[in-house]
Amino acid sequence: MSDVRIGFARATARSVLSRFRVAKPPTELEPITAHEQLTVKLLQSWPPSVSGLLLRDARLIGLNGQHSRKRRRFSLAHELGHWFMRHDFEWHEAEVTIDSPPSPVSFGKDPIEGEADEFAGELLAPRSFLKDALKKTQDVGALAELFDISDEALWVRLLHHRLL
């Protein structure tokens, strides 16, 4: 994970939060996708191992419709990370379609996936918001509900920022 540009990912997410004037949780993603003219499509036919896909040229984000709403929310934020950080992929859109996404195995341990995860975490549960919320409660379930993310995603944020 040494090639993951954590600072860049977090700074990019904070820039998006500022640009869209997100002042408190939860971060609403629909205004961001609408402003960026990105279409979001839920796919019921994807295998469970595929969570999301950005097709940059088509301005299309596909999400696994079989996943929970909170999982799809994180996946959407992850794909927005790829969008805003202008990640390029090894495959070409001519080879990949919304109905035929690449296998997760083809991604391997690519640093851009770690960057997109870090972006998503900061977009959905920014460190400054987390610190403020922790002053009111340390109940993980309550915090996860406040940020509209899974308990697992919240734990990752708290541990990454050493807030507990």
N, C-alpha and C. Protein backbone atom coordinates (compact mmCIF):
# COMPACT_ATOMS: atom_id res chain seq x y z
N MET A 1 0.82 -1.19 0.00
CA MET A 1 0.00 0.00 0.00
C MET A 1 0.86 1.26 0.00
N SER A 2 2.16 1.09 -0.16
CA SER A 2 3.07 2.23 -0.12
C SER A 2 2.91 3.15 -1.32
N ASP A 3 2.36 2.63 -2.43
CA ASP A 3 2.17 3.47 -3.61
C ASP A 3 0.85 4.24 -3.57
N VAL A 4 0.03 3.99 -2.56
CA VAL A 4 -1.24 4.69 -2.42
C VAL A 4 -0.96 6.10 -1.93
N ARG A 5 -1.45 7.07 -2.66
CA ARG A 5 -1.27 8.47 -2.30
C ARG A 5 -2.42 8.90 -1.39
N ILE A 6 -2.28 8.55 -0.11
CA ILE A 6 -3.35 8.80 0.86
C ILE A 6 -3.65 10.29 0.97
N GLY A 7 -2.61 11.10 1.08
CA GLY A 7 -2.81 12.55 1.21
C GLY A 7 -3.52 13.14 0.01
N PHE A 8 -3.14 12.68 -1.18
CA PHE A 8 -3.78 13.16 -2.41
C PHE A 8 -5.26 12.76 -2.43
N ALA A 9 -5.54 11.52 -2.05
CA ALA A 9 -6.92 11.04 -2.05
C ALA A 9 -7.77 11.84 -1.06
N ARG A 10 -7.24 12.05 0.13
CA ARG A 10 -7.99 12.80 1.15
C ARG A 10 -8.17 14.26 0.73
N ALA A 11 -7.13 14.86 0.18
CA ALA A 11 -7.22 16.27 -0.25
C ALA A 11 -8.23 16.42 -1.38
N THR A 12 -8.26 15.46 -2.29
CA THR A 12 -9.22 15.51 -3.39
C THR A 12 -10.63 15.40 -2.85
N ALA A 13 -10.87 14.49 -1.92
CA ALA A 13 -12.20 14.35 -1.32
C ALA A 13 -12.59 15.63 -0.59
N ARG A 14 -11.66 16.22 0.14
CA ARG A 14 -11.97 17.46 0.87
C ARG A 14 -12.29 18.60 -0.09
N SER A 15 -11.63 18.62 -1.23
CA SER A 15 -11.93 19.62 -2.25
C SER A 15 -13.35 19.45 -2.78
N VAL A 16 -13.75 18.21 -3.00
CA VAL A 16 -15.11 17.94 -3.47
C VAL A 16 -16.13 18.35 -2.39
N LEU A 17 -15.84 18.00 -1.14
CA LEU A 17 -16.74 18.40 -0.05
C LEU A 17 -16.89 19.91 0.01
N SER A 18 -15.80 20.62 -0.15
CA SER A 18 -15.84 22.08 -0.13
C SER A 18 -16.62 22.63 -1.33
N ARG A 19 -16.32 22.10 -2.49
CA ARG A 19 -16.98 22.58 -3.71
C ARG A 19 -18.49 22.39 -3.64
N PHE A 20 -18.94 21.29 -3.02
CA PHE A 20 -20.37 21.01 -2.94
C PHE A 20 -20.97 21.45 -1.60
N ARG A 21 -20.18 22.21 -0.84
CA ARG A 21 -20.62 22.83 0.41
C ARG A 21 -21.26 21.82 1.38
N VAL A 22 -20.61 20.68 1.50
CA VAL A 22 -21.06 19.68 2.47
C VAL A 22 -20.58 20.14 3.84
N ALA A 23 -21.53 20.47 4.72
CA ALA A 23 -21.18 21.04 6.01
C ALA A 23 -21.44 20.08 7.18
N LYS A 24 -22.16 18.99 6.90
CA LYS A 24 -22.46 18.04 7.97
C LYS A 24 -22.82 16.70 7.32
N PRO A 25 -22.72 15.64 8.10
CA PRO A 25 -23.07 14.33 7.55
C PRO A 25 -24.59 14.16 7.49
N PRO A 26 -25.05 13.28 6.64
CA PRO A 26 -24.30 12.45 5.69
C PRO A 26 -24.05 13.21 4.38
N THR A 27 -23.00 12.84 3.69
CA THR A 27 -22.68 13.43 2.39
C THR A 27 -23.67 12.90 1.36
N GLU A 28 -24.38 13.80 0.71
CA GLU A 28 -25.32 13.41 -0.34
C GLU A 28 -24.54 13.28 -1.65
N LEU A 29 -24.62 12.12 -2.28
CA LEU A 29 -23.84 11.86 -3.49
C LEU A 29 -24.57 12.23 -4.77
N GLU A 30 -25.89 12.24 -4.73
CA GLU A 30 -26.66 12.52 -5.95
C GLU A 30 -26.38 13.90 -6.54
N PRO A 31 -26.26 14.97 -5.72
CA PRO A 31 -25.93 16.27 -6.32
C PRO A 31 -24.56 16.27 -7.00
N ILE A 32 -23.65 15.48 -6.49
CA ILE A 32 -22.31 15.41 -7.07
C ILE A 32 -22.37 14.70 -8.42
N THR A 33 -23.04 13.56 -8.46
CA THR A 33 -23.13 12.83 -9.75
C THR A 33 -23.91 13.65 -10.77
N ALA A 34 -24.96 14.34 -10.33
CA ALA A 34 -25.74 15.17 -11.25
C ALA A 34 -24.90 16.31 -11.82
N HIS A 35 -24.17 16.99 -10.94
CA HIS A 35 -23.32 18.10 -11.39
C HIS A 35 -22.26 17.63 -12.39
N GLU A 36 -21.72 16.45 -12.14
CA GLU A 36 -20.68 15.90 -13.02
C GLU A 36 -21.27 15.22 -14.25
N GLN A 37 -22.59 15.24 -14.36
CA GLN A 37 -23.31 14.63 -15.48
C GLN A 37 -22.97 13.14 -15.63
N LEU A 38 -22.94 12.48 -14.48
CA LEU A 38 -22.68 11.04 -14.45
C LEU A 38 -24.01 10.32 -14.23
N THR A 39 -24.24 9.30 -15.02
CA THR A 39 -25.41 8.45 -14.85
C THR A 39 -25.02 7.28 -13.97
N VAL A 40 -25.87 6.96 -13.01
CA VAL A 40 -25.64 5.83 -12.12
C VAL A 40 -26.69 4.77 -12.43
N LYS A 41 -26.22 3.57 -12.69
CA LYS A 41 -27.11 2.47 -13.07
C LYS A 41 -26.89 1.29 -12.13
N LEU A 42 -27.99 0.74 -11.61
CA LEU A 42 -27.92 -0.46 -10.76
C LEU A 42 -28.03 -1.69 -11.65
N LEU A 43 -27.11 -2.63 -11.46
CA LEU A 43 -27.10 -3.85 -12.24
C LEU A 43 -27.41 -5.03 -11.33
N GLN A 44 -28.41 -5.79 -11.69
CA GLN A 44 -28.80 -6.96 -10.89
C GLN A 44 -28.06 -8.22 -11.34
N SER A 45 -27.43 -8.17 -12.49
CA SER A 45 -26.82 -9.37 -13.08
C SER A 45 -25.35 -9.57 -12.73
N TRP A 46 -24.76 -8.62 -12.02
CA TRP A 46 -23.34 -8.73 -11.69
C TRP A 46 -23.11 -9.78 -10.61
N PRO A 47 -21.94 -10.42 -10.65
CA PRO A 47 -21.60 -11.34 -9.56
C PRO A 47 -21.33 -10.54 -8.29
N PRO A 48 -21.47 -11.17 -7.12
CA PRO A 48 -21.25 -10.46 -5.85
C PRO A 48 -19.85 -9.85 -5.71
N SER A 49 -18.87 -10.39 -6.43
CA SER A 49 -17.50 -9.90 -6.31
C SER A 49 -17.27 -8.56 -7.00
N VAL A 50 -18.22 -8.11 -7.81
CA VAL A 50 -18.09 -6.83 -8.51
C VAL A 50 -19.01 -5.82 -7.84
N SER A 51 -18.42 -4.74 -7.33
CA SER A 51 -19.21 -3.74 -6.60
C SER A 51 -19.58 -2.54 -7.46
N GLY A 52 -18.65 -2.06 -8.26
CA GLY A 52 -18.91 -0.87 -9.05
C GLY A 52 -17.96 -0.77 -10.23
N LEU A 53 -18.31 0.10 -11.14
CA LEU A 53 -17.52 0.28 -12.36
C LEU A 53 -17.75 1.69 -12.89
N LEU A 54 -16.67 2.37 -13.21
CA LEU A 54 -16.74 3.68 -13.86
C LEU A 54 -16.35 3.52 -15.32
N LEU A 55 -17.25 3.95 -16.20
CA LEU A 55 -16.93 4.04 -17.62
C LEU A 55 -16.84 5.53 -17.93
N ARG A 56 -15.62 6.04 -17.88
CA ARG A 56 -15.38 7.48 -17.96
C ARG A 56 -15.93 8.10 -19.24
N ASP A 57 -15.60 7.50 -20.37
CA ASP A 57 -16.03 8.09 -21.65
C ASP A 57 -17.55 8.14 -21.77
N ALA A 58 -18.22 7.15 -21.22
CA ALA A 58 -19.69 7.10 -21.27
C ALA A 58 -20.33 7.89 -20.13
N ARG A 59 -19.50 8.39 -19.19
CA ARG A 59 -19.99 9.12 -18.02
C ARG A 59 -21.02 8.28 -17.27
N LEU A 60 -20.65 7.02 -17.06
CA LEU A 60 -21.56 6.04 -16.48
C LEU A 60 -20.89 5.31 -15.32
N ILE A 61 -21.62 5.20 -14.22
CA ILE A 61 -21.17 4.41 -13.08
C ILE A 61 -22.18 3.29 -12.88
N GLY A 62 -21.68 2.07 -12.89
CA GLY A 62 -22.52 0.93 -12.60
C GLY A 62 -22.29 0.47 -11.18
N LEU A 63 -23.37 0.09 -10.51
CA LEU A 63 -23.29 -0.41 -9.13
C LEU A 63 -24.02 -1.75 -9.06
N ASN A 64 -23.53 -2.63 -8.22
CA ASN A 64 -24.15 -3.94 -8.05
C ASN A 64 -25.46 -3.77 -7.27
N GLY A 65 -26.57 -3.97 -7.95
CA GLY A 65 -27.88 -3.79 -7.34
C GLY A 65 -28.21 -4.83 -6.30
N GLN A 66 -27.42 -5.90 -6.22
CA GLN A 66 -27.65 -6.94 -5.21
C GLN A 66 -27.01 -6.59 -3.86
N HIS A 67 -26.12 -5.61 -3.86
CA HIS A 67 -25.46 -5.21 -2.62
C HIS A 67 -26.38 -4.31 -1.80
N SER A 68 -26.10 -4.22 -0.51
CA SER A 68 -26.90 -3.36 0.38
C SER A 68 -26.77 -1.90 -0.05
N ARG A 69 -27.72 -1.10 0.38
CA ARG A 69 -27.71 0.33 0.03
C ARG A 69 -26.43 1.00 0.53
N LYS A 70 -26.00 0.67 1.75
CA LYS A 70 -24.78 1.29 2.28
C LYS A 70 -23.55 0.84 1.52
N ARG A 71 -23.52 -0.39 1.09
CA ARG A 71 -22.40 -0.89 0.27
C ARG A 71 -22.38 -0.17 -1.08
N ARG A 72 -23.56 -0.01 -1.68
CA ARG A 72 -23.64 0.71 -2.97
C ARG A 72 -23.21 2.16 -2.79
N ARG A 73 -23.55 2.75 -1.67
CA ARG A 73 -23.17 4.14 -1.39
C ARG A 73 -21.65 4.27 -1.33
N PHE A 74 -20.99 3.32 -0.64
CA PHE A 74 -19.53 3.35 -0.59
C PHE A 74 -18.95 3.10 -1.98
N SER A 75 -19.53 2.16 -2.71
CA SER A 75 -19.05 1.87 -4.07
C SER A 75 -19.18 3.09 -4.97
N LEU A 76 -20.29 3.81 -4.85
CA LEU A 76 -20.47 5.02 -5.65
C LEU A 76 -19.40 6.05 -5.28
N ALA A 77 -19.15 6.24 -3.99
CA ALA A 77 -18.11 7.18 -3.57
C ALA A 77 -16.74 6.73 -4.08
N HIS A 78 -16.49 5.43 -4.07
CA HIS A 78 -15.24 4.87 -4.59
C HIS A 78 -15.09 5.21 -6.08
N GLU A 79 -16.14 5.00 -6.85
CA GLU A 79 -16.08 5.29 -8.29
C GLU A 79 -15.93 6.79 -8.52
N LEU A 80 -16.54 7.61 -7.68
CA LEU A 80 -16.32 9.06 -7.77
C LEU A 80 -14.86 9.41 -7.49
N GLY A 81 -14.24 8.63 -6.62
CA GLY A 81 -12.81 8.81 -6.38
C GLY A 81 -12.01 8.61 -7.65
N HIS A 82 -12.31 7.54 -8.38
CA HIS A 82 -11.64 7.32 -9.66
C HIS A 82 -11.90 8.51 -10.60
N TRP A 83 -13.14 9.00 -10.61
CA TRP A 83 -13.52 10.10 -11.49
C TRP A 83 -12.73 11.37 -11.17
N PHE A 84 -12.75 11.78 -9.91
CA PHE A 84 -12.12 13.04 -9.54
C PHE A 84 -10.59 12.96 -9.52
N MET A 85 -10.04 11.79 -9.26
CA MET A 85 -8.58 11.66 -9.26
C MET A 85 -8.07 11.29 -10.65
N ARG A 86 -8.97 11.19 -11.60
CA ARG A 86 -8.63 10.95 -13.01
C ARG A 86 -7.79 9.70 -13.20
N HIS A 87 -8.20 8.65 -12.51
CA HIS A 87 -7.49 7.38 -12.66
C HIS A 87 -7.72 6.78 -14.03
N ASP A 88 -6.67 6.25 -14.60
CA ASP A 88 -6.76 5.51 -15.86
C ASP A 88 -6.65 4.04 -15.54
N PHE A 89 -7.33 3.23 -16.32
CA PHE A 89 -7.32 1.79 -16.10
C PHE A 89 -6.58 1.09 -17.22
N GLU A 90 -6.06 -0.09 -16.91
CA GLU A 90 -5.32 -0.85 -17.93
C GLU A 90 -6.21 -1.30 -19.07
N TRP A 91 -7.46 -1.59 -18.76
CA TRP A 91 -8.37 -2.04 -19.80
C TRP A 91 -8.97 -0.84 -20.51
N HIS A 92 -9.48 -1.06 -21.67
CA HIS A 92 -10.09 0.01 -22.46
C HIS A 92 -11.60 -0.18 -22.46
N GLU A 93 -12.32 0.90 -22.51
CA GLU A 93 -13.77 0.81 -22.45
C GLU A 93 -14.35 0.01 -23.61
N ALA A 94 -13.62 -0.11 -24.70
CA ALA A 94 -14.11 -0.92 -25.81
C ALA A 94 -14.17 -2.40 -25.41
N GLU A 95 -13.35 -2.79 -24.44
CA GLU A 95 -13.30 -4.19 -24.01
C GLU A 95 -14.22 -4.45 -22.83
N VAL A 96 -14.66 -3.41 -22.13
CA VAL A 96 -15.47 -3.55 -20.93
C VAL A 96 -16.77 -2.79 -21.15
N THR A 97 -17.87 -3.40 -20.77
CA THR A 97 -19.16 -2.73 -20.86
C THR A 97 -19.85 -2.83 -19.51
N ILE A 98 -20.91 -2.09 -19.36
CA ILE A 98 -21.66 -2.13 -18.11
C ILE A 98 -22.23 -3.53 -17.88
N ASP A 99 -22.50 -4.25 -18.95
CA ASP A 99 -23.03 -5.60 -18.82
C ASP A 99 -21.94 -6.65 -18.74
N SER A 100 -20.70 -6.24 -18.97
CA SER A 100 -19.58 -7.17 -18.92
C SER A 100 -18.40 -6.50 -18.21
N PRO A 101 -18.52 -6.33 -16.89
CA PRO A 101 -17.45 -5.64 -16.15
C PRO A 101 -16.21 -6.52 -16.05
N PRO A 102 -15.06 -5.90 -15.80
CA PRO A 102 -13.85 -6.71 -15.61
C PRO A 102 -13.92 -7.48 -14.31
N SER A 103 -13.22 -8.57 -14.25
CA SER A 103 -13.16 -9.37 -13.03
C SER A 103 -12.33 -8.63 -12.00
N PRO A 104 -12.74 -8.67 -10.72
CA PRO A 104 -11.93 -8.02 -9.68
C PRO A 104 -10.51 -8.58 -9.62
N VAL A 105 -10.34 -9.81 -10.03
CA VAL A 105 -9.00 -10.43 -10.04
C VAL A 105 -8.07 -9.64 -10.96
N SER A 106 -8.64 -9.04 -12.01
CA SER A 106 -7.80 -8.30 -12.96
C SER A 106 -7.25 -7.02 -12.34
N PHE A 107 -7.87 -6.55 -11.25
CA PHE A 107 -7.38 -5.35 -10.59
C PHE A 107 -6.16 -5.62 -9.72
N GLY A 108 -6.11 -6.80 -9.14
CA GLY A 108 -4.99 -7.12 -8.25
C GLY A 108 -4.92 -6.15 -7.10
N LYS A 109 -3.72 -5.78 -6.69
CA LYS A 109 -3.50 -4.85 -5.57
C LYS A 109 -3.13 -3.48 -6.11
N ASP A 110 -3.82 -3.04 -7.12
CA ASP A 110 -3.53 -1.78 -7.77
C ASP A 110 -3.67 -0.62 -6.79
N PRO A 111 -2.65 0.24 -6.68
CA PRO A 111 -2.72 1.38 -5.75
C PRO A 111 -3.90 2.31 -6.00
N ILE A 112 -4.37 2.41 -7.24
CA ILE A 112 -5.48 3.32 -7.48
C ILE A 112 -6.76 2.84 -6.79
N GLU A 113 -6.88 1.55 -6.54
CA GLU A 113 -8.04 1.06 -5.81
C GLU A 113 -7.97 1.50 -4.35
N GLY A 114 -6.77 1.47 -3.78
CA GLY A 114 -6.58 1.98 -2.42
C GLY A 114 -6.85 3.47 -2.33
N GLU A 115 -6.43 4.21 -3.35
CA GLU A 115 -6.69 5.65 -3.38
C GLU A 115 -8.19 5.93 -3.46
N ALA A 116 -8.89 5.17 -4.30
CA ALA A 116 -10.33 5.38 -4.44
C ALA A 116 -11.05 5.03 -3.13
N ASP A 117 -10.58 4.00 -2.44
CA ASP A 117 -11.16 3.65 -1.13
C ASP A 117 -10.93 4.78 -0.13
N GLU A 118 -9.72 5.32 -0.11
CA GLU A 118 -9.41 6.41 0.82
C GLU A 118 -10.24 7.65 0.50
N PHE A 119 -10.39 7.96 -0.79
CA PHE A 119 -11.24 9.08 -1.22
C PHE A 119 -12.66 8.86 -0.72
N ALA A 120 -13.19 7.65 -0.95
CA ALA A 120 -14.57 7.34 -0.56
C ALA A 120 -14.76 7.51 0.94
N GLY A 121 -13.81 7.00 1.71
CA GLY A 121 -13.92 7.13 3.16
C GLY A 121 -13.93 8.57 3.60
N GLU A 122 -13.06 9.38 3.02
CA GLU A 122 -12.99 10.80 3.39
C GLU A 122 -14.22 11.57 2.90
N LEU A 123 -14.76 11.17 1.76
CA LEU A 123 -15.95 11.84 1.23
C LEU A 123 -17.16 11.54 2.12
N LEU A 124 -17.30 10.29 2.54
CA LEU A 124 -18.48 9.88 3.30
C LEU A 124 -18.36 10.16 4.80
N ALA A 125 -17.15 10.09 5.33
CA ALA A 125 -16.93 10.32 6.76
C ALA A 125 -15.65 11.12 6.95
N PRO A 126 -15.71 12.41 6.61
CA PRO A 126 -14.51 13.25 6.72
C PRO A 126 -13.97 13.29 8.15
N ARG A 127 -12.66 13.33 8.25
CA ARG A 127 -12.01 13.31 9.57
C ARG A 127 -12.54 14.41 10.49
N SER A 128 -12.70 15.60 9.97
CA SER A 128 -13.17 16.70 10.83
C SER A 128 -14.58 16.44 11.33
N PHE A 129 -15.45 15.88 10.50
CA PHE A 129 -16.81 15.55 10.93
C PHE A 129 -16.78 14.43 11.97
N LEU A 130 -15.89 13.45 11.75
CA LEU A 130 -15.77 12.34 12.70
C LEU A 130 -15.34 12.84 14.07
N LYS A 131 -14.35 13.72 14.10
CA LYS A 131 -13.86 14.24 15.37
C LYS A 131 -14.98 14.97 16.11
N ASP A 132 -15.77 15.76 15.39
CA ASP A 132 -16.89 16.47 16.02
C ASP A 132 -17.94 15.49 16.54
N ALA A 133 -18.25 14.49 15.75
CA ALA A 133 -19.28 13.52 16.14
C ALA A 133 -18.84 12.70 17.35
N LEU A 134 -17.55 12.40 17.42
CA LEU A 134 -17.03 11.61 18.55
C LEU A 134 -17.14 12.36 19.88
N LYS A 135 -17.24 13.68 19.82
CA LYS A 135 -17.42 14.47 21.05
C LYS A 135 -18.81 14.25 21.65
N LYS A 136 -19.75 13.82 20.78
CA LYS A 136 -21.13 13.62 21.22
C LYS A 136 -21.42 12.17 21.58
N THR A 137 -20.80 11.24 20.84
CA THR A 137 -21.01 9.82 21.11
C THR A 137 -19.84 9.00 20.57
N GLN A 138 -19.58 7.89 21.23
CA GLN A 138 -18.59 6.94 20.72
C GLN A 138 -19.27 5.63 20.34
N ASP A 139 -20.58 5.66 20.25
CA ASP A 139 -21.36 4.50 19.84
C ASP A 139 -21.19 4.31 18.33
N VAL A 140 -20.51 3.23 17.96
CA VAL A 140 -20.19 2.99 16.55
C VAL A 140 -21.45 2.88 15.69
N GLY A 141 -22.46 2.21 16.19
CA GLY A 141 -23.71 2.08 15.44
C GLY A 141 -24.36 3.43 15.17
N ALA A 142 -24.39 4.28 16.19
CA ALA A 142 -24.97 5.61 16.05
C ALA A 142 -24.16 6.46 15.07
N LEU A 143 -22.85 6.36 15.15
CA LEU A 143 -21.99 7.12 14.24
C LEU A 143 -22.16 6.63 12.79
N ALA A 144 -22.25 5.32 12.63
CA ALA A 144 -22.44 4.76 11.28
C ALA A 144 -23.75 5.26 10.69
N GLU A 145 -24.79 5.31 11.51
CA GLU A 145 -26.08 5.83 11.03
C GLU A 145 -25.97 7.31 10.67
N LEU A 146 -25.29 8.08 11.50
CA LEU A 146 -25.12 9.51 11.23
C LEU A 146 -24.45 9.74 9.88
N PHE A 147 -23.42 8.96 9.59
CA PHE A 147 -22.68 9.13 8.33
C PHE A 147 -23.27 8.31 7.19
N ASP A 148 -24.27 7.49 7.48
CA ASP A 148 -24.93 6.63 6.50
C ASP A 148 -23.94 5.70 5.81
N ILE A 149 -23.10 5.06 6.64
CA ILE A 149 -22.15 4.07 6.16
C ILE A 149 -22.26 2.83 7.05
N SER A 150 -21.65 1.77 6.62
CA SER A 150 -21.67 0.54 7.42
C SER A 150 -20.81 0.68 8.66
N ASP A 151 -21.09 -0.15 9.65
CA ASP A 151 -20.25 -0.17 10.85
C ASP A 151 -18.80 -0.46 10.47
N GLU A 152 -18.62 -1.39 9.53
CA GLU A 152 -17.26 -1.76 9.10
C GLU A 152 -16.53 -0.56 8.50
N ALA A 153 -17.20 0.18 7.62
CA ALA A 153 -16.57 1.36 7.01
C ALA A 153 -16.23 2.40 8.07
N LEU A 154 -17.11 2.55 9.06
CA LEU A 154 -16.83 3.49 10.13
C LEU A 154 -15.60 3.06 10.93
N TRP A 155 -15.50 1.78 11.27
CA TRP A 155 -14.32 1.29 12.00
C TRP A 155 -13.04 1.57 11.22
N VAL A 156 -13.08 1.35 9.91
CA VAL A 156 -11.90 1.61 9.08
C VAL A 156 -11.50 3.08 9.19
N ARG A 157 -12.49 3.97 9.12
CA ARG A 157 -12.20 5.41 9.22
C ARG A 157 -11.59 5.74 10.59
N LEU A 158 -12.18 5.23 11.64
CA LEU A 158 -11.68 5.52 13.00
C LEU A 158 -10.27 5.00 13.18
N LEU A 159 -10.00 3.81 12.69
CA LEU A 159 -8.66 3.23 12.83
C LEU A 159 -7.64 3.95 11.95
N HIS A 160 -8.00 4.28 10.71
CA HIS A 160 -7.07 4.99 9.83
C HIS A 160 -6.67 6.34 10.40
N HIS A 161 -7.59 6.98 11.10
CA HIS A 161 -7.30 8.30 11.65
C HIS A 161 -6.88 8.23 13.12
N ARG A 162 -6.77 7.01 13.64
CA ARG A 162 -6.37 6.81 15.04
C ARG A 162 -7.22 7.65 15.99
N LEU A 163 -8.54 7.57 15.77
CA LEU A 163 -9.46 8.38 16.58
C LEU A 163 -10.01 7.62 17.78
N LEU A 164 -9.70 6.35 17.89
CA LEU A 164 -10.15 5.59 19.07
C LEU A 164 -8.96 5.00 19.79
